[in-house]
Amino acid sequence: MANISLGTEVQIAKTATIPTRYQGRTGFVVGTVKAGRGFKYEVEPVGGRRVTPLVLSTRQFDVL
């Protein structure tokens, strides 16, 4: 697994459980959120007009 830090460019997986319009798009990591014993990443899709970033686990995106 690559080192993931703020600003890392990622591609959202087509199998992620998120709206279809965001699947397969690229985005940037903008933060982290605690989830259980670990954490998930906040990803802001490129060209999106979302008010809040998507909260994804590392299985739901690939580092570019």
Protein backbone atom coordinates (compact mmCIF):
# COMPACT_ATOMS: atom_id res chain seq x y z
CA MET A 1 0.00 0.00 0.00
CA ALA A 2 1.31 3.40 -0.97
CA ASN A 3 1.78 6.16 1.59
CA ILE A 4 -1.49 8.11 1.71
CA SER A 5 -1.33 11.70 2.93
CA LEU A 6 -3.29 14.88 2.36
CA GLY A 7 -3.34 15.83 -1.30
CA THR A 8 -2.75 12.29 -2.59
CA GLU A 9 -4.50 11.71 -5.92
CA VAL A 10 -6.77 8.65 -5.93
CA GLN A 11 -9.22 6.94 -8.28
CA ILE A 12 -12.54 5.90 -6.76
CA ALA A 13 -13.43 2.24 -7.42
CA LYS A 14 -16.41 1.32 -9.57
CA THR A 15 -17.53 -1.10 -6.85
CA ALA A 16 -17.67 1.50 -4.07
CA THR A 17 -21.02 1.83 -2.30
CA ILE A 18 -21.49 5.46 -3.30
CA PRO A 19 -23.61 7.20 -5.97
CA THR A 20 -22.81 5.98 -9.48
CA ARG A 21 -21.83 9.46 -10.69
CA TYR A 22 -18.71 9.38 -8.45
CA GLN A 23 -17.59 5.82 -9.24
CA GLY A 24 -14.48 5.68 -11.43
CA ARG A 25 -13.63 9.37 -10.95
CA THR A 26 -10.40 10.75 -9.62
CA GLY A 27 -10.13 12.86 -6.51
CA PHE A 28 -7.82 14.06 -3.77
CA VAL A 29 -7.52 13.03 -0.12
CA VAL A 30 -8.51 16.01 2.03
CA GLY A 31 -8.66 14.45 5.50
CA THR A 32 -9.29 11.45 7.73
CA VAL A 33 -12.20 10.35 9.94
CA LYS A 34 -12.09 7.92 12.88
CA ALA A 35 -13.96 4.69 12.16
CA GLY A 36 -13.93 1.98 14.81
CA ARG A 37 -10.34 1.15 15.71
CA GLY A 38 -8.94 2.70 12.53
CA PHE A 39 -9.92 5.49 10.21
CA LYS A 40 -11.29 6.27 6.75
CA TYR A 41 -10.25 8.91 4.26
CA GLU A 42 -12.20 11.94 3.08
CA VAL A 43 -11.94 12.16 -0.71
CA GLU A 44 -13.02 15.20 -2.74
CA PRO A 45 -13.86 14.16 -6.34
CA VAL A 46 -12.38 16.35 -9.11
CA GLY A 47 -15.02 18.52 -10.74
CA GLY A 48 -17.60 17.63 -8.12
CA ARG A 49 -19.85 20.11 -6.41
CA ARG A 50 -20.25 18.18 -3.18
CA VAL A 51 -20.56 20.18 0.01
CA THR A 52 -18.96 17.36 2.01
CA PRO A 53 -16.20 15.00 0.83
CA LEU A 54 -16.84 11.28 0.35
CA VAL A 55 -15.73 9.12 3.30
CA LEU A 56 -14.06 6.00 1.89
CA SER A 57 -11.98 3.10 3.17
CA THR A 58 -8.76 2.13 1.41
CA ARG A 59 -10.59 -0.71 -0.38
CA GLN A 60 -12.79 1.80 -2.19
CA PHE A 61 -10.05 3.69 -4.02
CA ASP A 62 -6.68 3.20 -5.72
CA VAL A 63 -3.70 5.54 -5.26
CA LEU A 64 -2.52 7.05 -8.56
